[in-house]
N, C-alpha and C. Protein backbone atom coordinates (compact mmCIF):
# COMPACT_ATOMS: atom_id res chain seq x y z
N MET A 1 112.43 214.36 42.00
CA MET A 1 111.55 214.27 43.15
C MET A 1 112.27 213.52 44.29
N THR A 2 111.98 213.99 45.49
CA THR A 2 112.58 213.39 46.64
C THR A 2 111.54 212.81 47.57
N ASP A 3 111.94 211.84 48.35
CA ASP A 3 111.00 211.29 49.32
C ASP A 3 111.37 211.74 50.71
N ILE A 4 112.09 212.87 50.79
CA ILE A 4 112.49 213.43 52.07
C ILE A 4 111.86 214.81 52.24
N GLY A 5 111.16 214.98 53.35
CA GLY A 5 110.57 216.27 53.66
C GLY A 5 111.28 216.88 54.88
N LEU A 6 111.18 218.20 54.99
CA LEU A 6 111.81 218.90 56.12
C LEU A 6 110.79 219.85 56.75
N LEU A 7 110.57 219.64 58.06
CA LEU A 7 109.75 220.51 58.87
C LEU A 7 110.71 221.20 59.84
N ALA A 8 110.83 222.49 59.71
CA ALA A 8 111.87 223.19 60.52
C ALA A 8 111.25 224.36 61.26
N GLY A 9 111.86 224.69 62.38
CA GLY A 9 111.41 225.85 63.16
C GLY A 9 112.21 225.96 64.43
N SER A 10 111.86 226.98 65.22
CA SER A 10 112.50 227.16 66.51
C SER A 10 111.92 226.22 67.54
N PHE A 11 110.59 225.93 67.40
CA PHE A 11 109.89 225.01 68.27
C PHE A 11 110.14 225.35 69.75
N ASP A 12 109.68 226.57 70.11
CA ASP A 12 109.94 227.12 71.47
C ASP A 12 108.63 227.31 72.21
N PRO A 13 107.92 226.26 72.57
CA PRO A 13 108.18 224.83 72.44
C PRO A 13 107.44 224.20 71.29
N PHE A 14 107.65 222.92 71.08
CA PHE A 14 106.96 222.10 70.14
C PHE A 14 105.55 221.83 70.73
N THR A 15 104.49 222.19 69.97
CA THR A 15 103.13 222.13 70.45
C THR A 15 102.36 220.97 69.77
N LEU A 16 101.14 220.80 70.18
CA LEU A 16 100.29 219.80 69.52
C LEU A 16 100.01 220.20 68.08
N GLY A 17 99.98 221.49 67.82
CA GLY A 17 99.81 221.97 66.43
C GLY A 17 101.00 221.53 65.59
N HIS A 18 102.24 221.67 66.11
CA HIS A 18 103.43 221.20 65.39
C HIS A 18 103.34 219.68 65.19
N TYR A 19 102.92 219.00 66.27
CA TYR A 19 102.83 217.53 66.18
C TYR A 19 101.87 217.11 65.09
N ASP A 20 100.73 217.73 65.02
CA ASP A 20 99.73 217.43 64.00
C ASP A 20 100.31 217.62 62.59
N ILE A 21 101.02 218.71 62.41
CA ILE A 21 101.63 218.93 61.09
C ILE A 21 102.68 217.87 60.80
N ALA A 22 103.47 217.48 61.82
CA ALA A 22 104.48 216.44 61.65
C ALA A 22 103.82 215.08 61.28
N VAL A 23 102.77 214.71 61.96
CA VAL A 23 102.09 213.45 61.67
C VAL A 23 101.56 213.44 60.21
N ARG A 24 100.95 214.55 59.85
CA ARG A 24 100.37 214.63 58.50
C ARG A 24 101.47 214.68 57.43
N ALA A 25 102.56 215.39 57.71
CA ALA A 25 103.69 215.45 56.76
C ALA A 25 104.36 214.12 56.64
N ALA A 26 104.47 213.40 57.75
CA ALA A 26 105.13 212.08 57.71
C ALA A 26 104.42 211.11 56.78
N LYS A 27 103.14 211.32 56.56
CA LYS A 27 102.40 210.50 55.62
C LYS A 27 102.70 210.80 54.15
N LEU A 28 103.27 211.96 53.93
CA LEU A 28 103.57 212.42 52.55
C LEU A 28 104.96 212.05 52.07
N PHE A 29 105.85 211.68 53.02
CA PHE A 29 107.25 211.40 52.70
C PHE A 29 107.69 210.08 53.31
N THR A 30 108.65 209.46 52.64
CA THR A 30 109.24 208.28 53.24
C THR A 30 110.02 208.63 54.49
N HIS A 31 110.71 209.79 54.44
CA HIS A 31 111.46 210.27 55.60
C HIS A 31 111.11 211.74 55.84
N LEU A 32 110.82 212.08 57.08
CA LEU A 32 110.59 213.48 57.44
C LEU A 32 111.62 213.84 58.48
N TYR A 33 112.40 214.88 58.15
CA TYR A 33 113.33 215.45 59.10
C TYR A 33 112.67 216.62 59.79
N ILE A 34 112.85 216.70 61.08
CA ILE A 34 112.45 217.87 61.84
C ILE A 34 113.71 218.57 62.23
N GLY A 35 113.87 219.80 61.75
CA GLY A 35 115.07 220.60 62.02
C GLY A 35 114.77 221.64 63.08
N VAL A 36 115.46 221.54 64.20
CA VAL A 36 115.33 222.55 65.27
C VAL A 36 116.43 223.57 65.05
N ALA A 37 116.03 224.80 64.81
CA ALA A 37 116.93 225.86 64.45
C ALA A 37 117.71 226.37 65.65
N ALA A 38 119.04 226.42 65.52
CA ALA A 38 119.91 226.98 66.55
C ALA A 38 119.84 228.48 66.47
N ASP A 39 119.93 229.01 65.23
CA ASP A 39 119.92 230.44 65.03
C ASP A 39 118.54 230.85 64.62
N THR A 40 117.86 231.61 65.42
CA THR A 40 116.49 232.02 65.11
C THR A 40 116.38 233.49 64.76
N GLY A 41 117.47 234.09 64.30
CA GLY A 41 117.44 235.49 63.87
C GLY A 41 117.14 236.40 65.03
N ASN A 42 116.15 237.24 64.85
CA ASN A 42 115.77 238.22 65.87
C ASN A 42 114.99 237.64 67.02
N LYS A 43 114.48 236.39 66.81
CA LYS A 43 113.67 235.77 67.82
C LYS A 43 114.55 235.12 68.89
N ARG A 44 114.36 235.53 70.13
CA ARG A 44 115.12 234.96 71.23
C ARG A 44 114.30 233.82 71.84
N CYS A 45 114.88 232.66 71.86
CA CYS A 45 114.16 231.51 72.39
C CYS A 45 114.28 231.50 73.92
N VAL A 46 113.25 231.03 74.57
CA VAL A 46 113.27 230.89 76.04
C VAL A 46 114.11 229.68 76.43
N ALA A 47 113.91 228.55 75.73
CA ALA A 47 114.62 227.30 76.03
C ALA A 47 115.88 227.23 75.19
N THR A 48 116.84 226.47 75.71
CA THR A 48 118.08 226.25 74.98
C THR A 48 117.82 225.34 73.78
N LEU A 49 118.74 225.29 72.89
CA LEU A 49 118.62 224.38 71.74
C LEU A 49 118.52 222.95 72.20
N GLN A 50 119.26 222.54 73.14
CA GLN A 50 119.21 221.18 73.67
C GLN A 50 117.86 220.88 74.29
N GLU A 51 117.31 221.80 75.06
CA GLU A 51 116.01 221.59 75.67
C GLU A 51 114.92 221.49 74.59
N ARG A 52 114.93 222.36 73.63
CA ARG A 52 113.93 222.36 72.59
C ARG A 52 114.00 221.05 71.77
N THR A 53 115.23 220.62 71.51
CA THR A 53 115.43 219.38 70.73
C THR A 53 114.90 218.17 71.48
N GLU A 54 115.19 218.12 72.77
CA GLU A 54 114.70 216.98 73.59
C GLU A 54 113.18 216.94 73.64
N ILE A 55 112.56 218.09 73.76
CA ILE A 55 111.09 218.17 73.75
C ILE A 55 110.54 217.67 72.44
N VAL A 56 111.12 218.07 71.33
CA VAL A 56 110.69 217.60 70.00
C VAL A 56 110.87 216.10 69.92
N LYS A 57 111.99 215.58 70.32
CA LYS A 57 112.23 214.13 70.25
C LYS A 57 111.21 213.37 71.05
N LYS A 58 110.90 213.81 72.27
CA LYS A 58 109.90 213.13 73.10
C LYS A 58 108.52 213.20 72.46
N SER A 59 108.23 214.34 71.80
CA SER A 59 106.93 214.53 71.19
C SER A 59 106.69 213.65 70.00
N VAL A 60 107.71 213.41 69.18
CA VAL A 60 107.51 212.66 67.91
C VAL A 60 108.06 211.25 67.98
N ALA A 61 108.37 210.74 69.16
CA ALA A 61 108.93 209.41 69.29
C ALA A 61 108.08 208.32 68.70
N ASP A 62 106.77 208.57 68.61
CA ASP A 62 105.84 207.57 68.08
C ASP A 62 105.68 207.61 66.56
N ILE A 63 106.35 208.53 65.87
CA ILE A 63 106.25 208.60 64.42
C ILE A 63 107.50 207.96 63.83
N SER A 64 107.34 206.80 63.24
CA SER A 64 108.48 205.94 62.89
C SER A 64 109.42 206.51 61.81
N ASN A 65 108.91 207.33 60.91
CA ASN A 65 109.75 207.82 59.84
C ASN A 65 110.26 209.26 60.04
N VAL A 66 110.31 209.68 61.31
CA VAL A 66 110.77 211.04 61.63
C VAL A 66 112.11 210.97 62.35
N CYS A 67 112.98 211.84 61.91
CA CYS A 67 114.30 212.04 62.57
C CYS A 67 114.41 213.49 62.96
N VAL A 68 114.93 213.74 64.17
CA VAL A 68 115.07 215.12 64.64
C VAL A 68 116.54 215.51 64.66
N TYR A 69 116.83 216.66 64.09
CA TYR A 69 118.19 217.18 64.02
C TYR A 69 118.19 218.67 64.39
N THR A 70 119.33 219.14 64.79
CA THR A 70 119.48 220.60 64.95
C THR A 70 120.26 221.13 63.74
N PHE A 71 120.06 222.38 63.49
CA PHE A 71 120.84 222.99 62.39
C PHE A 71 121.09 224.46 62.72
N ASP A 72 122.17 224.94 62.16
CA ASP A 72 122.55 226.31 62.33
C ASP A 72 122.81 226.90 60.93
N GLY A 73 122.34 228.09 60.71
CA GLY A 73 122.51 228.68 59.39
C GLY A 73 121.19 228.73 58.62
N PHE A 74 121.35 228.88 57.30
CA PHE A 74 120.16 229.08 56.48
C PHE A 74 119.48 227.74 56.17
N LEU A 75 118.18 227.76 56.18
CA LEU A 75 117.39 226.54 55.99
C LEU A 75 117.69 225.83 54.69
N THR A 76 117.86 226.53 53.61
CA THR A 76 118.16 225.84 52.35
C THR A 76 119.48 225.09 52.33
N ASP A 77 120.46 225.58 53.09
CA ASP A 77 121.77 224.89 53.19
C ASP A 77 121.53 223.57 53.98
N PHE A 78 120.78 223.60 55.04
CA PHE A 78 120.47 222.38 55.79
C PHE A 78 119.66 221.42 54.93
N ALA A 79 118.70 221.93 54.19
CA ALA A 79 117.88 221.05 53.32
C ALA A 79 118.77 220.35 52.31
N LYS A 80 119.68 221.07 51.69
CA LYS A 80 120.61 220.42 50.73
C LYS A 80 121.42 219.35 51.41
N GLU A 81 121.90 219.66 52.61
CA GLU A 81 122.78 218.73 53.37
C GLU A 81 122.10 217.43 53.65
N ILE A 82 120.82 217.45 53.92
CA ILE A 82 120.08 216.21 54.24
C ILE A 82 119.36 215.62 53.06
N GLY A 83 119.40 216.31 51.90
CA GLY A 83 118.79 215.79 50.70
C GLY A 83 117.28 216.03 50.61
N ALA A 84 116.81 217.06 51.30
CA ALA A 84 115.36 217.39 51.27
C ALA A 84 115.10 218.60 50.35
N SER A 85 114.36 218.43 49.32
CA SER A 85 114.06 219.55 48.45
C SER A 85 112.60 220.05 48.66
N THR A 86 111.95 219.53 49.71
CA THR A 86 110.62 219.99 50.07
C THR A 86 110.60 220.40 51.53
N VAL A 87 110.18 221.64 51.74
CA VAL A 87 109.99 222.17 53.08
C VAL A 87 108.51 222.17 53.42
N VAL A 88 108.16 221.68 54.57
CA VAL A 88 106.77 221.66 55.02
C VAL A 88 106.58 222.77 56.05
N ARG A 89 105.52 223.55 55.84
CA ARG A 89 105.21 224.65 56.75
C ARG A 89 103.70 224.54 57.14
N GLY A 90 103.42 224.79 58.38
CA GLY A 90 102.04 224.78 58.87
C GLY A 90 101.49 226.21 58.83
N LEU A 91 100.20 226.29 58.54
CA LEU A 91 99.51 227.61 58.49
C LEU A 91 98.32 227.58 59.45
N ARG A 92 98.24 228.55 60.36
CA ARG A 92 97.12 228.66 61.27
C ARG A 92 96.18 229.79 60.78
N THR A 93 96.75 230.87 60.34
CA THR A 93 96.00 232.10 60.03
C THR A 93 96.43 232.71 58.70
N PHE A 94 95.67 233.64 58.25
CA PHE A 94 96.03 234.39 57.02
C PHE A 94 97.37 235.11 57.27
N LYS A 95 97.60 235.62 58.43
CA LYS A 95 98.88 236.26 58.79
C LYS A 95 100.02 235.28 58.58
N ASP A 96 99.85 234.04 59.05
CA ASP A 96 100.87 233.01 58.83
C ASP A 96 101.14 232.80 57.37
N PHE A 97 100.06 232.75 56.57
CA PHE A 97 100.23 232.57 55.11
C PHE A 97 101.09 233.63 54.49
N GLU A 98 100.83 234.90 54.82
CA GLU A 98 101.60 236.02 54.26
C GLU A 98 103.07 235.89 54.60
N TYR A 99 103.35 235.57 55.86
CA TYR A 99 104.74 235.40 56.32
C TYR A 99 105.40 234.18 55.65
N GLU A 100 104.72 233.08 55.62
CA GLU A 100 105.29 231.85 55.04
C GLU A 100 105.46 231.94 53.51
N LYS A 101 104.51 232.63 52.87
CA LYS A 101 104.68 232.87 51.43
C LYS A 101 105.98 233.62 51.12
N SER A 102 106.23 234.68 51.91
CA SER A 102 107.45 235.44 51.73
C SER A 102 108.68 234.59 51.99
N LEU A 103 108.64 233.78 53.06
CA LEU A 103 109.77 232.90 53.34
C LEU A 103 110.04 231.92 52.20
N SER A 104 108.93 231.35 51.63
CA SER A 104 109.10 230.39 50.55
C SER A 104 109.76 231.02 49.35
N GLN A 105 109.46 232.29 49.11
CA GLN A 105 110.08 232.99 48.00
C GLN A 105 111.56 233.29 48.26
N VAL A 106 111.89 233.53 49.49
CA VAL A 106 113.31 233.70 49.87
C VAL A 106 114.03 232.37 49.69
N TYR A 107 113.45 231.28 50.16
CA TYR A 107 114.06 229.98 49.97
C TYR A 107 114.34 229.69 48.51
N LYS A 108 113.36 229.98 47.66
CA LYS A 108 113.44 229.74 46.22
C LYS A 108 114.57 230.57 45.63
N SER A 109 114.75 231.80 46.14
CA SER A 109 115.80 232.70 45.63
C SER A 109 117.18 232.15 45.94
N GLN A 110 117.25 231.34 47.02
CA GLN A 110 118.53 230.81 47.44
C GLN A 110 118.84 229.41 46.81
N TRP A 111 117.80 228.69 46.47
CA TRP A 111 117.94 227.37 45.87
C TRP A 111 116.74 227.15 44.99
N LYS A 112 116.93 227.16 43.71
CA LYS A 112 115.81 227.10 42.74
C LYS A 112 115.08 225.74 42.81
N ASP A 113 115.65 224.73 43.30
CA ASP A 113 115.03 223.40 43.35
C ASP A 113 114.20 223.13 44.61
N ILE A 114 114.17 224.07 45.52
CA ILE A 114 113.40 223.84 46.77
C ILE A 114 111.95 224.20 46.54
N GLU A 115 111.09 223.39 47.15
CA GLU A 115 109.64 223.68 47.09
C GLU A 115 109.12 223.77 48.51
N THR A 116 108.02 224.48 48.68
CA THR A 116 107.38 224.57 49.97
C THR A 116 105.97 224.00 49.88
N VAL A 117 105.64 223.16 50.84
CA VAL A 117 104.29 222.59 50.93
C VAL A 117 103.67 223.15 52.16
N PHE A 118 102.46 223.71 52.05
CA PHE A 118 101.73 224.25 53.20
C PHE A 118 100.65 223.31 53.65
N LEU A 119 100.62 223.05 54.94
CA LEU A 119 99.54 222.25 55.51
C LEU A 119 98.74 223.16 56.45
N ILE A 120 97.45 223.19 56.22
CA ILE A 120 96.58 224.04 57.01
C ILE A 120 96.29 223.38 58.34
N SER A 121 96.46 224.14 59.42
CA SER A 121 96.15 223.68 60.78
C SER A 121 94.73 223.21 60.89
N LEU A 122 94.54 222.12 61.58
CA LEU A 122 93.20 221.70 61.89
C LEU A 122 92.55 222.66 62.87
N PRO A 123 91.24 222.86 62.84
CA PRO A 123 90.60 223.84 63.72
C PRO A 123 90.92 223.67 65.18
N GLU A 124 91.04 222.45 65.63
CA GLU A 124 91.26 222.19 67.05
C GLU A 124 92.66 222.61 67.52
N PHE A 125 93.58 222.90 66.56
CA PHE A 125 94.90 223.32 66.90
C PHE A 125 95.22 224.76 66.50
N SER A 126 94.32 225.39 65.83
CA SER A 126 94.63 226.72 65.24
C SER A 126 94.83 227.84 66.27
N HIS A 127 94.37 227.63 67.48
CA HIS A 127 94.58 228.64 68.52
C HIS A 127 95.87 228.45 69.32
N ILE A 128 96.57 227.35 69.06
CA ILE A 128 97.76 227.04 69.85
C ILE A 128 99.01 227.71 69.26
N SER A 129 99.75 228.37 70.09
CA SER A 129 101.00 229.01 69.67
C SER A 129 102.04 228.75 70.77
N GLY A 130 103.28 228.90 70.43
CA GLY A 130 104.35 228.78 71.42
C GLY A 130 104.19 229.82 72.54
N THR A 131 103.76 231.01 72.19
CA THR A 131 103.56 232.03 73.18
C THR A 131 102.52 231.62 74.20
N ILE A 132 101.39 231.10 73.74
CA ILE A 132 100.33 230.67 74.65
C ILE A 132 100.85 229.54 75.56
N VAL A 133 101.54 228.58 74.99
CA VAL A 133 102.04 227.46 75.79
C VAL A 133 103.03 227.96 76.83
N ARG A 134 103.96 228.84 76.41
CA ARG A 134 104.90 229.40 77.39
C ARG A 134 104.19 230.12 78.52
N ASP A 135 103.19 230.92 78.18
CA ASP A 135 102.44 231.66 79.19
C ASP A 135 101.67 230.71 80.13
N LEU A 136 101.07 229.69 79.58
CA LEU A 136 100.38 228.73 80.42
C LEU A 136 101.34 228.03 81.35
N ALA A 137 102.49 227.60 80.84
CA ALA A 137 103.47 226.92 81.66
C ALA A 137 103.99 227.80 82.76
N LEU A 138 104.28 229.04 82.45
CA LEU A 138 104.80 230.00 83.43
C LEU A 138 103.81 230.30 84.53
N SER A 139 102.54 230.34 84.17
CA SER A 139 101.52 230.65 85.18
C SER A 139 100.97 229.41 85.87
N GLY A 140 101.47 228.23 85.50
CA GLY A 140 101.01 227.01 86.14
C GLY A 140 99.71 226.45 85.61
N GLY A 141 99.31 226.93 84.42
CA GLY A 141 98.08 226.41 83.79
C GLY A 141 98.29 225.01 83.24
N SER A 142 97.19 224.38 82.93
CA SER A 142 97.26 223.01 82.38
C SER A 142 97.69 223.05 80.92
N LEU A 143 98.64 222.19 80.59
CA LEU A 143 99.14 222.08 79.21
C LEU A 143 98.48 220.98 78.45
N THR A 144 97.55 220.27 79.08
CA THR A 144 96.79 219.22 78.41
C THR A 144 96.06 219.81 77.22
N GLY A 145 96.23 219.21 76.07
CA GLY A 145 95.58 219.73 74.83
C GLY A 145 96.42 220.76 74.14
N TYR A 146 97.60 221.08 74.66
CA TYR A 146 98.48 222.07 74.08
C TYR A 146 99.81 221.50 73.63
N VAL A 147 100.31 220.49 74.36
CA VAL A 147 101.56 219.81 74.00
C VAL A 147 101.33 218.28 74.11
N CYS A 148 102.25 217.57 73.48
CA CYS A 148 102.16 216.10 73.54
C CYS A 148 102.33 215.64 74.99
N GLU A 149 101.51 214.69 75.38
CA GLU A 149 101.58 214.17 76.73
C GLU A 149 102.98 213.61 77.03
N SER A 150 103.62 213.02 76.03
CA SER A 150 104.96 212.44 76.22
C SER A 150 106.01 213.48 76.52
N ALA A 151 105.72 214.76 76.26
CA ALA A 151 106.68 215.83 76.52
C ALA A 151 106.20 216.84 77.55
N ARG A 152 104.97 216.64 78.05
CA ARG A 152 104.35 217.64 78.93
C ARG A 152 105.20 218.00 80.14
N LYS A 153 105.72 216.99 80.83
CA LYS A 153 106.50 217.26 82.04
C LYS A 153 107.77 218.04 81.70
N SER A 154 108.38 217.72 80.56
CA SER A 154 109.60 218.48 80.15
C SER A 154 109.24 219.93 79.85
N VAL A 155 108.11 220.15 79.18
CA VAL A 155 107.68 221.53 78.86
C VAL A 155 107.40 222.28 80.16
N GLU A 156 106.72 221.64 81.09
CA GLU A 156 106.41 222.30 82.37
C GLU A 156 107.69 222.66 83.11
N LYS A 157 108.66 221.75 83.10
CA LYS A 157 109.95 222.01 83.79
C LYS A 157 110.71 223.13 83.10
N VAL A 158 110.87 223.06 81.84
CA VAL A 158 111.71 224.06 81.12
C VAL A 158 111.03 225.42 81.11
N TYR A 159 109.76 225.50 80.81
CA TYR A 159 109.10 226.78 80.61
C TYR A 159 108.50 227.31 81.90
N GLY A 160 108.19 226.41 82.81
CA GLY A 160 107.64 226.88 84.11
C GLY A 160 108.66 227.52 84.98
N ARG A 161 109.95 227.24 84.78
CA ARG A 161 110.99 227.80 85.65
C ARG A 161 111.45 229.16 85.19
N ARG A 162 111.07 229.59 84.01
CA ARG A 162 111.56 230.84 83.51
C ARG A 162 110.75 231.98 84.04
N GLY A 163 111.29 233.16 84.01
CA GLY A 163 110.46 234.26 84.43
C GLY A 163 111.17 235.47 84.79
């Protein structure tokens, strides 16, 4: 058993939904690593890796047992590197569950000792997605209630300038 958890994703951008999962996961582990993925496969990120990482760092600065890192390559390799045998994933919808279940099986096929823990999104965050936040930022909508206040200006700057 390990006391290190890993919450990983592209975080394009990191939303209040991600933050909620991070806060709740941080209570389950002595150390929670947040891994910002450099390689996101077929998904093209709007923000650069550095921009996404800075937004995550600003968002979780108040969670004392969280460290933010970037990684490139397969998630299980990064998990081994940092000593995390538990991956934390957030679920908003049944569609998320189907996708995340498949991913957890792939992770297990690559490293038999890895486990996945699913945390269900709270109702007040279940409608939030990176796509919605990007669209709001681009159109000049209010991001209050969608991203952490500590990172709101960065999200507005990075995602509001794209188009």
